[in-house]
């Protein structure tokens, strides 16, 4: 099949599907924090406070759970559903499968090491992770503690409706960016960053987070360029530009301008639209993960 979601098309007809996809859709419920459960409204308030005002979300979340002792809930294993075969689910499995094969090649040729592939979890609303309880409102994310990528596929609808971004490569880029965080984990970058972040001020920690995210963008570009070299028919003309548009659409400056009407650079955690495009383009143009050293770059 040729995936046809959106305006452009990534040719995945001959791509093998990954068997490392967990389907947890159909679950839901409260948001367990430290064994207790709180409502979605409190979670949203916590993350808004963290994003715009630099408030540690754990302060709000822990306070909410302690003030409601009757809301104790049991942690349950996430439900496992039979593998779905709808077009979008198959698309995700094939994209993930390609990242597995491509990063195995990149790791071997550029770093002389093995690539332990991540698992991708499909969920609806929220799900338990090795990093705590994840929610769809957070967007797709990677948890280094369990080495899994999490995505609620409704995010793709939000991309189209809120950001005006569509096309298969833009959707593949979202997965590739999160896989890029897994690459950081495999290379030991994530652990180094976590140790350093503990000694930094909030502003400096935000600046470090920007470098982490921009490197993941660059790694996404390296994947796409390498995959295209391996299969010249994989990504159609115009799709790379579509991916660059997606990177620009989710830049911190554009998101802040849309949500609050002003830009606060010191609160950036993912990078500006221009920065995200630049580092994705670097990966696309070099196909070399060693060129993605955002931590050594004087300017981003």
C-alpha atoms as a PDB file:
ATOM      1  CA  UNK A   1       0.000   0.000   0.000  1.00  0.00           C
ATOM      2  CA  UNK A   2       1.002   3.596  -0.458  1.00  0.00           C
ATOM      3  CA  UNK A   3       0.146   5.717   2.550  1.00  0.00           C
ATOM      4  CA  UNK A   4      -1.953   8.647   1.412  1.00  0.00           C
ATOM      5  CA  UNK A   5      -2.705  10.530   4.604  1.00  0.00           C
ATOM      6  CA  UNK A   6      -2.435  14.257   3.940  1.00  0.00           C
ATOM      7  CA  UNK A   7      -1.354  16.068   0.810  1.00  0.00           C
ATOM      8  CA  UNK A   8       1.903  14.214   0.125  1.00  0.00           C
ATOM      9  CA  UNK A   9       2.835  10.565   0.194  1.00  0.00           C
ATOM     10  CA  UNK A  10       5.571   8.420   1.693  1.00  0.00           C
ATOM     11  CA  UNK A  11       5.846   5.167  -0.249  1.00  0.00           C
ATOM     12  CA  UNK A  12       5.789   2.390   2.307  1.00  0.00           C
ATOM     13  CA  UNK A  13       4.450  -0.431   0.131  1.00  0.00           C
ATOM     14  CA  UNK A  14       7.572  -2.538   0.537  1.00  0.00           C
ATOM     15  CA  UNK A  15       8.397  -1.540   4.098  1.00  0.00           C
ATOM     16  CA  UNK A  16       8.175  -4.222   6.775  1.00  0.00           C
ATOM     17  CA  UNK A  17       6.072  -3.340   9.790  1.00  0.00           C
ATOM     18  CA  UNK A  18       7.664  -3.102  13.210  1.00  0.00           C
ATOM     19  CA  UNK A  19       6.570  -5.664  15.780  1.00  0.00           C
ATOM     20  CA  UNK A  20       7.520  -3.275  18.576  1.00  0.00           C
ATOM     21  CA  UNK A  21       4.194  -1.417  18.738  1.00  0.00           C
ATOM     22  CA  UNK A  22       1.895  -1.673  21.758  1.00  0.00           C
ATOM     23  CA  UNK A  23      -1.732  -0.695  21.260  1.00  0.00           C
ATOM     24  CA  UNK A  24      -3.249   0.594  24.502  1.00  0.00           C
ATOM     25  CA  UNK A  25      -6.092   2.532  22.959  1.00  0.00           C
ATOM     26  CA  UNK A  26      -9.411   2.371  24.682  1.00  0.00           C
ATOM     27  CA  UNK A  27      -8.005   3.030  28.180  1.00  0.00           C
ATOM     28  CA  UNK A  28      -8.359   6.225  30.184  1.00  0.00           C
ATOM     29  CA  UNK A  29      -9.218   7.427  33.657  1.00  0.00           C
ATOM     30  CA  UNK A  30      -7.645   9.748  36.169  1.00  0.00           C
ATOM     31  CA  UNK A  31      -4.036  10.879  36.405  1.00  0.00           C
ATOM     32  CA  UNK A  32      -2.231   8.848  39.078  1.00  0.00           C
ATOM     33  CA  UNK A  33       0.430  10.853  40.901  1.00  0.00           C
ATOM     34  CA  UNK A  34       2.269   9.023  43.657  1.00  0.00           C
ATOM     35  CA  UNK A  35      -0.489   6.424  43.935  1.00  0.00           C
ATOM     36  CA  UNK A  36      -3.290   8.981  43.894  1.00  0.00           C
ATOM     37  CA  UNK A  37      -5.506  10.179  41.093  1.00  0.00           C
ATOM     38  CA  UNK A  38      -6.330  13.764  40.176  1.00  0.00           C
ATOM     39  CA  UNK A  39      -8.478  15.346  37.519  1.00  0.00           C
ATOM     40  CA  UNK A  40      -7.423  16.442  34.064  1.00  0.00           C
ATOM     41  CA  UNK A  41      -8.147  20.099  34.893  1.00  0.00           C
ATOM     42  CA  UNK A  42      -5.460  20.133  37.570  1.00  0.00           C
ATOM     43  CA  UNK A  43      -2.972  18.519  35.205  1.00  0.00           C
ATOM     44  CA  UNK A  44      -3.648  21.122  32.524  1.00  0.00           C
ATOM     45  CA  UNK A  45      -3.231  23.946  35.049  1.00  0.00           C
ATOM     46  CA  UNK A  46       0.048  22.418  36.210  1.00  0.00           C
ATOM     47  CA  UNK A  47       1.543  22.230  32.753  1.00  0.00           C
ATOM     48  CA  UNK A  48       0.324  25.689  31.788  1.00  0.00           C
ATOM     49  CA  UNK A  49       1.960  27.064  34.939  1.00  0.00           C
ATOM     50  CA  UNK A  50       5.167  25.234  34.126  1.00  0.00           C
ATOM     51  CA  UNK A  51       5.230  26.424  30.528  1.00  0.00           C
ATOM     52  CA  UNK A  52       4.413  30.095  30.988  1.00  0.00           C
ATOM     53  CA  UNK A  53       5.456  30.897  34.552  1.00  0.00           C
ATOM     54  CA  UNK A  54       8.308  28.511  35.295  1.00  0.00           C
ATOM     55  CA  UNK A  55       6.392  26.782  38.098  1.00  0.00           C
ATOM     56  CA  UNK A  56       7.440  23.211  38.840  1.00  0.00           C
ATOM     57  CA  UNK A  57       4.329  21.163  37.875  1.00  0.00           C
ATOM     58  CA  UNK A  58       5.067  18.601  40.591  1.00  0.00           C
ATOM     59  CA  UNK A  59       4.317  21.265  43.223  1.00  0.00           C
ATOM     60  CA  UNK A  60       0.762  21.639  41.949  1.00  0.00           C
ATOM     61  CA  UNK A  61       0.224  17.959  41.204  1.00  0.00           C
ATOM     62  CA  UNK A  62       1.547  16.707  44.529  1.00  0.00           C
ATOM     63  CA  UNK A  63      -0.431  19.343  46.405  1.00  0.00           C
ATOM     64  CA  UNK A  64      -3.610  18.321  44.635  1.00  0.00           C
ATOM     65  CA  UNK A  65      -3.146  14.635  45.402  1.00  0.00           C
ATOM     66  CA  UNK A  66      -2.384  15.289  49.067  1.00  0.00           C
ATOM     67  CA  UNK A  67      -5.457  17.459  49.475  1.00  0.00           C
ATOM     68  CA  UNK A  68      -7.689  14.639  48.257  1.00  0.00           C
ATOM     69  CA  UNK A  69      -6.780  11.558  50.329  1.00  0.00           C
ATOM     70  CA  UNK A  70      -9.953   9.744  49.277  1.00  0.00           C
ATOM     71  CA  UNK A  71      -8.776   9.582  45.677  1.00  0.00           C
ATOM     72  CA  UNK A  72      -6.327   6.716  46.178  1.00  0.00           C
ATOM     73  CA  UNK A  73      -6.229   4.535  43.073  1.00  0.00           C
ATOM     74  CA  UNK A  74      -4.531   1.287  42.219  1.00  0.00           C
ATOM     75  CA  UNK A  75      -1.919   1.339  39.455  1.00  0.00           C
ATOM     76  CA  UNK A  76      -3.104  -1.018  36.744  1.00  0.00           C
ATOM     77  CA  UNK A  77      -1.284  -2.470  33.790  1.00  0.00           C
ATOM     78  CA  UNK A  78      -2.256  -0.715  30.579  1.00  0.00           C
ATOM     79  CA  UNK A  79      -4.677  -2.766  28.461  1.00  0.00           C
ATOM     80  CA  UNK A  80      -3.230  -4.545  25.436  1.00  0.00           C
ATOM     81  CA  UNK A  81      -5.564  -4.678  22.449  1.00  0.00           C
ATOM     82  CA  UNK A  82      -5.306  -6.821  19.352  1.00  0.00           C
ATOM     83  CA  UNK A  83      -3.174  -5.107  16.691  1.00  0.00           C
ATOM     84  CA  UNK A  84      -5.278  -2.744  14.597  1.00  0.00           C
ATOM     85  CA  UNK A  85      -4.919  -2.707  10.824  1.00  0.00           C
ATOM     86  CA  UNK A  86      -6.432   0.648   9.946  1.00  0.00           C
ATOM     87  CA  UNK A  87      -4.435   2.784   7.539  1.00  0.00           C
ATOM     88  CA  UNK A  88      -2.886   5.092  10.117  1.00  0.00           C
ATOM     89  CA  UNK A  89      -1.832   2.295  12.471  1.00  0.00           C
ATOM     90  CA  UNK A  90      -0.194   0.377   9.643  1.00  0.00           C
ATOM     91  CA  UNK A  91       1.505   3.609   8.573  1.00  0.00           C
ATOM     92  CA  UNK A  92       2.958   4.081  12.072  1.00  0.00           C
ATOM     93  CA  UNK A  93       4.193   0.488  12.235  1.00  0.00           C
ATOM     94  CA  UNK A  94       5.891   0.831   8.860  1.00  0.00           C
ATOM     95  CA  UNK A  95       7.522   4.140   9.728  1.00  0.00           C
ATOM     96  CA  UNK A  96       8.812   2.677  12.991  1.00  0.00           C
ATOM     97  CA  UNK A  97      10.047  -0.400  11.140  1.00  0.00           C
ATOM     98  CA  UNK A  98      12.000   1.822   8.766  1.00  0.00           C
ATOM     99  CA  UNK A  99      13.560   3.758  11.637  1.00  0.00           C
ATOM    100  CA  UNK A 100      14.676   0.470  13.179  1.00  0.00           C
ATOM    101  CA  UNK A 101      16.456  -0.681  10.034  1.00  0.00           C
ATOM    102  CA  UNK A 102      17.869   2.750   9.208  1.00  0.00           C
ATOM    103  CA  UNK A 103      19.213   3.528  12.682  1.00  0.00           C
ATOM    104  CA  UNK A 104      20.720   0.047  12.900  1.00  0.00           C
ATOM    105  CA  UNK A 105      22.683   0.971   9.775  1.00  0.00           C
ATOM    106  CA  UNK A 106      23.589   4.464  11.021  1.00  0.00           C
ATOM    107  CA  UNK A 107      24.750   3.212  14.408  1.00  0.00           C
ATOM    108  CA  UNK A 108      26.896   0.538  12.819  1.00  0.00           C
ATOM    109  CA  UNK A 109      28.543   2.753  10.208  1.00  0.00           C
ATOM    110  CA  UNK A 110      28.889   6.022  12.156  1.00  0.00           C
ATOM    111  CA  UNK A 111      29.312   4.860  15.762  1.00  0.00           C
ATOM    112  CA  UNK A 112      30.321   1.186  15.465  1.00  0.00           C
ATOM    113  CA  UNK A 113      27.685   0.081  17.933  1.00  0.00           C
ATOM    114  CA  UNK A 114      24.400  -1.804  18.084  1.00  0.00           C
ATOM    115  CA  UNK A 115      21.008  -0.149  18.043  1.00  0.00           C
ATOM    116  CA  UNK A 116      18.455  -1.475  20.556  1.00  0.00           C
ATOM    117  CA  UNK A 117      15.196  -0.251  19.023  1.00  0.00           C
ATOM    118  CA  UNK A 118      12.503   1.440  21.149  1.00  0.00           C
ATOM    119  CA  UNK A 119       8.904   0.339  21.537  1.00  0.00           C
ATOM    120  CA  UNK A 120       6.137   2.663  20.333  1.00  0.00           C
ATOM    121  CA  UNK A 121       2.936   2.840  22.383  1.00  0.00           C
ATOM    122  CA  UNK A 122      -0.378   3.931  20.875  1.00  0.00           C
ATOM    123  CA  UNK A 123      -2.780   5.305  23.480  1.00  0.00           C
ATOM    124  CA  UNK A 124      -5.917   7.398  23.788  1.00  0.00           C
ATOM    125  CA  UNK A 125      -6.208  10.168  26.363  1.00  0.00           C
ATOM    126  CA  UNK A 126      -3.597   9.013  28.832  1.00  0.00           C
ATOM    127  CA  UNK A 127      -1.470   6.058  29.853  1.00  0.00           C
ATOM    128  CA  UNK A 128       0.980   4.956  32.500  1.00  0.00           C
ATOM    129  CA  UNK A 129       4.663   5.215  31.536  1.00  0.00           C
ATOM    130  CA  UNK A 130       8.007   4.617  33.159  1.00  0.00           C
ATOM    131  CA  UNK A 131       8.205   8.407  33.570  1.00  0.00           C
ATOM    132  CA  UNK A 132       4.808   8.836  35.246  1.00  0.00           C
ATOM    133  CA  UNK A 133       1.362   9.250  33.776  1.00  0.00           C
ATOM    134  CA  UNK A 134       1.408  10.636  30.236  1.00  0.00           C
ATOM    135  CA  UNK A 135      -1.465  12.478  28.600  1.00  0.00           C
ATOM    136  CA  UNK A 136      -2.411  13.279  25.034  1.00  0.00           C
ATOM    137  CA  UNK A 137      -2.315  17.015  25.814  1.00  0.00           C
ATOM    138  CA  UNK A 138       1.447  16.718  26.152  1.00  0.00           C
ATOM    139  CA  UNK A 139       1.771  15.635  22.524  1.00  0.00           C
ATOM    140  CA  UNK A 140       3.966  12.704  21.453  1.00  0.00           C
ATOM    141  CA  UNK A 141       6.816  12.041  23.863  1.00  0.00           C
ATOM    142  CA  UNK A 142       9.672   9.669  24.668  1.00  0.00           C
ATOM    143  CA  UNK A 143      10.276   8.154  28.096  1.00  0.00           C
ATOM    144  CA  UNK A 144      13.941   7.260  28.656  1.00  0.00           C
ATOM    145  CA  UNK A 145      13.092   5.247  31.776  1.00  0.00           C
ATOM    146  CA  UNK A 146      11.255   2.554  29.782  1.00  0.00           C
ATOM    147  CA  UNK A 147      12.720   3.490  26.374  1.00  0.00           C
ATOM    148  CA  UNK A 148       9.312   3.834  24.754  1.00  0.00           C
ATOM    149  CA  UNK A 149       7.780   6.388  22.397  1.00  0.00           C
ATOM    150  CA  UNK A 150       4.188   7.374  23.227  1.00  0.00           C
ATOM    151  CA  UNK A 151       1.698   8.876  20.816  1.00  0.00           C
ATOM    152  CA  UNK A 152      -2.024   9.538  20.721  1.00  0.00           C
ATOM    153  CA  UNK A 153      -2.813   9.549  16.997  1.00  0.00           C
ATOM    154  CA  UNK A 154      -5.305  12.377  17.498  1.00  0.00           C
ATOM    155  CA  UNK A 155      -2.198  14.581  17.510  1.00  0.00           C
ATOM    156  CA  UNK A 156      -2.106  14.259  13.728  1.00  0.00           C
ATOM    157  CA  UNK A 157      -5.592  15.733  13.504  1.00  0.00           C
ATOM    158  CA  UNK A 158      -4.426  18.616  15.695  1.00  0.00           C
ATOM    159  CA  UNK A 159      -1.469  19.140  13.367  1.00  0.00           C
ATOM    160  CA  UNK A 160      -3.856  19.564  10.455  1.00  0.00           C
ATOM    161  CA  UNK A 161      -6.487  21.648  12.226  1.00  0.00           C
ATOM    162  CA  UNK A 162      -4.378  23.817  14.547  1.00  0.00           C
ATOM    163  CA  UNK A 163      -1.110  24.107  12.665  1.00  0.00           C
ATOM    164  CA  UNK A 164      -2.253  23.585   9.082  1.00  0.00           C
ATOM    165  CA  UNK A 165       0.354  20.862   8.554  1.00  0.00           C
ATOM    166  CA  UNK A 166      -0.482  17.643   6.742  1.00  0.00           C
ATOM    167  CA  UNK A 167       1.289  15.031   4.669  1.00  0.00           C
ATOM    168  CA  UNK A 168       2.846  11.687   5.403  1.00  0.00           C
ATOM    169  CA  UNK A 169       6.374  12.938   5.874  1.00  0.00           C
ATOM    170  CA  UNK A 170       5.269  15.528   8.430  1.00  0.00           C
ATOM    171  CA  UNK A 171       3.601  12.706  10.352  1.00  0.00           C
ATOM    172  CA  UNK A 172       6.648  10.474   9.993  1.00  0.00           C
ATOM    173  CA  UNK A 173       8.829  13.347  11.219  1.00  0.00           C
ATOM    174  CA  UNK A 174       6.881  13.411  14.495  1.00  0.00           C
ATOM    175  CA  UNK A 175       7.767   9.761  15.114  1.00  0.00           C
ATOM    176  CA  UNK A 176      11.346  10.241  13.911  1.00  0.00           C
ATOM    177  CA  UNK A 177      11.860  13.154  16.323  1.00  0.00           C
ATOM    178  CA  UNK A 178      10.834  11.012  19.300  1.00  0.00           C
ATOM    179  CA  UNK A 179      13.004   8.160  18.022  1.00  0.00           C
ATOM    180  CA  UNK A 180      15.762  10.783  17.937  1.00  0.00           C
ATOM    181  CA  UNK A 181      15.393  11.104  21.704  1.00  0.00           C
ATOM    182  CA  UNK A 182      15.850   7.342  21.944  1.00  0.00           C
ATOM    183  CA  UNK A 183      19.058   7.678  19.932  1.00  0.00           C
ATOM    184  CA  UNK A 184      20.209  10.216  22.523  1.00  0.00           C
ATOM    185  CA  UNK A 185      19.507   7.633  25.215  1.00  0.00           C
ATOM    186  CA  UNK A 186      21.436   4.932  23.348  1.00  0.00           C
ATOM    187  CA  UNK A 187      24.429   7.245  22.866  1.00  0.00           C
ATOM    188  CA  UNK A 188      24.435   8.224  26.548  1.00  0.00           C
ATOM    189  CA  UNK A 189      23.554  11.844  25.818  1.00  0.00           C
ATOM    190  CA  UNK A 190      20.301  11.815  27.798  1.00  0.00           C
ATOM    191  CA  UNK A 191      21.982  10.597  30.973  1.00  0.00           C
ATOM    192  CA  UNK A 192      24.678  13.266  30.721  1.00  0.00           C
ATOM    193  CA  UNK A 193      22.060  15.961  30.191  1.00  0.00           C
ATOM    194  CA  UNK A 194      20.020  14.794  33.179  1.00  0.00           C
ATOM    195  CA  UNK A 195      23.047  14.948  35.461  1.00  0.00           C
ATOM    196  CA  UNK A 196      23.941  18.412  34.220  1.00  0.00           C
ATOM    197  CA  UNK A 197      20.380  19.740  34.461  1.00  0.00           C
ATOM    198  CA  UNK A 198      20.292  19.055  38.204  1.00  0.00           C
ATOM    199  CA  UNK A 199      22.976  21.698  38.735  1.00  0.00           C
ATOM    200  CA  UNK A 200      21.462  24.398  36.534  1.00  0.00           C
ATOM    201  CA  UNK A 201      19.080  27.267  37.109  1.00  0.00           C
ATOM    202  CA  UNK A 202      15.660  27.044  35.483  1.00  0.00           C
ATOM    203  CA  UNK A 203      16.672  29.394  32.671  1.00  0.00           C
ATOM    204  CA  UNK A 204      19.851  27.447  31.953  1.00  0.00           C
ATOM    205  CA  UNK A 205      17.951  24.157  32.139  1.00  0.00           C
ATOM    206  CA  UNK A 206      15.484  25.495  29.553  1.00  0.00           C
ATOM    207  CA  UNK A 207      18.374  26.474  27.292  1.00  0.00           C
ATOM    208  CA  UNK A 208      19.814  22.973  27.644  1.00  0.00           C
ATOM    209  CA  UNK A 209      16.434  21.459  26.794  1.00  0.00           C
ATOM    210  CA  UNK A 210      16.396  23.473  23.561  1.00  0.00           C
ATOM    211  CA  UNK A 211      19.690  21.880  22.529  1.00  0.00           C
ATOM    212  CA  UNK A 212      18.298  18.437  23.352  1.00  0.00           C
ATOM    213  CA  UNK A 213      15.205  19.007  21.204  1.00  0.00           C
ATOM    214  CA  UNK A 214      17.099  20.513  18.284  1.00  0.00           C
ATOM    215  CA  UNK A 215      19.434  17.539  18.234  1.00  0.00           C
ATOM    216  CA  UNK A 216      16.409  15.236  18.052  1.00  0.00           C
ATOM    217  CA  UNK A 217      15.216  17.290  15.056  1.00  0.00           C
ATOM    218  CA  UNK A 218      18.618  16.850  13.427  1.00  0.00           C
ATOM    219  CA  UNK A 219      18.534  13.101  14.092  1.00  0.00           C
ATOM    220  CA  UNK A 220      15.093  12.972  12.449  1.00  0.00           C
ATOM    221  CA  UNK A 221      16.634  14.575   9.372  1.00  0.00           C
ATOM    222  CA  UNK A 222      19.517  12.087   9.387  1.00  0.00           C
ATOM    223  CA  UNK A 223      17.026   9.223   9.448  1.00  0.00           C
ATOM    224  CA  UNK A 224      15.011  10.650   6.542  1.00  0.00           C
ATOM    225  CA  UNK A 225      18.069  11.370   4.394  1.00  0.00           C
ATOM    226  CA  UNK A 226      19.554   7.926   5.010  1.00  0.00           C
ATOM    227  CA  UNK A 227      16.259   6.165   4.379  1.00  0.00           C
ATOM    228  CA  UNK A 228      15.879   8.085   1.130  1.00  0.00           C
ATOM    229  CA  UNK A 229      19.370   7.118   0.025  1.00  0.00           C
ATOM    230  CA  UNK A 230      18.502   3.488   0.691  1.00  0.00           C
ATOM    231  CA  UNK A 231      15.249   3.749  -1.255  1.00  0.00           C
ATOM    232  CA  UNK A 232      14.992   6.609  -3.721  1.00  0.00           C
ATOM    233  CA  UNK A 233      11.256   6.001  -4.085  1.00  0.00           C
ATOM    234  CA  UNK A 234      10.484   6.225  -0.367  1.00  0.00           C
ATOM    235  CA  UNK A 235       9.866   9.963   0.007  1.00  0.00           C
ATOM    236  CA  UNK A 236       8.243  11.901  -2.810  1.00  0.00           C
ATOM    237  CA  UNK A 237       9.316  15.351  -4.043  1.00  0.00           C
ATOM    238  CA  UNK A 238       7.953  18.091  -1.817  1.00  0.00           C
ATOM    239  CA  UNK A 239       7.738  15.931   1.288  1.00  0.00           C
ATOM    240  CA  UNK A 240      10.981  17.204   2.793  1.00  0.00           C
ATOM    241  CA  UNK A 241       9.603  20.737   2.516  1.00  0.00           C
ATOM    242  CA  UNK A 242       6.449  19.477   4.189  1.00  0.00           C
ATOM    243  CA  UNK A 243       8.540  18.236   7.097  1.00  0.00           C
ATOM    244  CA  UNK A 244      10.281  21.597   7.395  1.00  0.00           C
ATOM    245  CA  UNK A 245       6.883  23.271   7.564  1.00  0.00           C
ATOM    246  CA  UNK A 246       5.929  20.934  10.391  1.00  0.00           C
ATOM    247  CA  UNK A 247       9.113  21.824  12.285  1.00  0.00           C
ATOM    248  CA  UNK A 248       8.338  25.525  11.887  1.00  0.00           C
ATOM    249  CA  UNK A 249       4.727  25.088  12.986  1.00  0.00           C
ATOM    250  CA  UNK A 250       5.728  23.726  16.385  1.00  0.00           C
ATOM    251  CA  UNK A 251       8.517  26.195  17.150  1.00  0.00           C
ATOM    252  CA  UNK A 252       8.289  27.736  20.622  1.00  0.00           C
ATOM    253  CA  UNK A 253       8.011  31.265  19.266  1.00  0.00           C
ATOM    254  CA  UNK A 254       5.072  30.435  17.019  1.00  0.00           C
ATOM    255  CA  UNK A 255       3.276  28.450  19.715  1.00  0.00           C
ATOM    256  CA  UNK A 256       3.737  31.228  22.284  1.00  0.00           C
ATOM    257  CA  UNK A 257       2.558  33.880  19.845  1.00  0.00           C
ATOM    258  CA  UNK A 258      -0.582  31.847  19.145  1.00  0.00           C
ATOM    259  CA  UNK A 259      -1.361  31.108  22.774  1.00  0.00           C
ATOM    260  CA  UNK A 260      -0.385  34.300  24.605  1.00  0.00           C
ATOM    261  CA  UNK A 261       0.268  36.891  21.915  1.00  0.00           C
ATOM    262  CA  UNK A 262       3.897  37.418  22.861  1.00  0.00           C
ATOM    263  CA  UNK A 263       7.204  35.548  22.735  1.00  0.00           C
ATOM    264  CA  UNK A 264       9.345  34.815  25.813  1.00  0.00           C
ATOM    265  CA  UNK A 265      12.656  33.382  24.518  1.00  0.00           C
ATOM    266  CA  UNK A 266      14.022  32.538  27.967  1.00  0.00           C
ATOM    267  CA  UNK A 267      11.131  30.109  28.441  1.00  0.00           C
ATOM    268  CA  UNK A 268      11.829  28.213  25.198  1.00  0.00           C
ATOM    269  CA  UNK A 269      12.268  24.470  25.686  1.00  0.00           C
ATOM    270  CA  UNK A 270      12.180  23.194  22.074  1.00  0.00           C
ATOM    271  CA  UNK A 271      13.625  26.026  20.001  1.00  0.00           C
ATOM    272  CA  UNK A 272      12.251  28.640  17.642  1.00  0.00           C
ATOM    273  CA  UNK A 273      10.701  27.784  14.281  1.00  0.00           C
ATOM    274  CA  UNK A 274      13.859  28.937  12.507  1.00  0.00           C
ATOM    275  CA  UNK A 275      16.090  26.850  14.766  1.00  0.00           C
ATOM    276  CA  UNK A 276      13.977  23.720  14.373  1.00  0.00           C
ATOM    277  CA  UNK A 277      13.994  24.062  10.611  1.00  0.00           C
ATOM    278  CA  UNK A 278      17.751  24.701  10.561  1.00  0.00           C
ATOM    279  CA  UNK A 279      18.677  21.598  12.521  1.00  0.00           C
ATOM    280  CA  UNK A 280      16.215  19.353  10.702  1.00  0.00           C
ATOM    281  CA  UNK A 281      17.716  20.661   7.451  1.00  0.00           C
ATOM    282  CA  UNK A 282      21.231  19.911   8.705  1.00  0.00           C
ATOM    283  CA  UNK A 283      20.276  16.295   9.247  1.00  0.00           C
ATOM    284  CA  UNK A 284      18.578  16.123   5.855  1.00  0.00           C
ATOM    285  CA  UNK A 285      21.556  17.621   4.037  1.00  0.00           C
ATOM    286  CA  UNK A 286      24.350  15.658   5.748  1.00  0.00           C
ATOM    287  CA  UNK A 287      22.778  12.301   6.689  1.00  0.00           C
ATOM    288  CA  UNK A 288      25.464  12.294   9.388  1.00  0.00           C
ATOM    289  CA  UNK A 289      24.418  12.043  13.038  1.00  0.00           C
ATOM    290  CA  UNK A 290      27.854  13.286  14.054  1.00  0.00           C
ATOM    291  CA  UNK A 291      26.925  16.662  12.539  1.00  0.00           C
ATOM    292  CA  UNK A 292      24.083  17.030  15.047  1.00  0.00           C
ATOM    293  CA  UNK A 293      26.165  18.238  17.986  1.00  0.00           C
ATOM    294  CA  UNK A 294      23.900  21.043  19.150  1.00  0.00           C
ATOM    295  CA  UNK A 295      25.711  21.090  22.496  1.00  0.00           C
ATOM    296  CA  UNK A 296      28.938  22.212  20.864  1.00  0.00           C
ATOM    297  CA  UNK A 297      27.315  24.819  18.605  1.00  0.00           C
ATOM    298  CA  UNK A 298      28.013  28.445  19.519  1.00  0.00           C
ATOM    299  CA  UNK A 299      24.784  29.544  17.829  1.00  0.00           C
ATOM    300  CA  UNK A 300      21.684  27.490  17.255  1.00  0.00           C
END
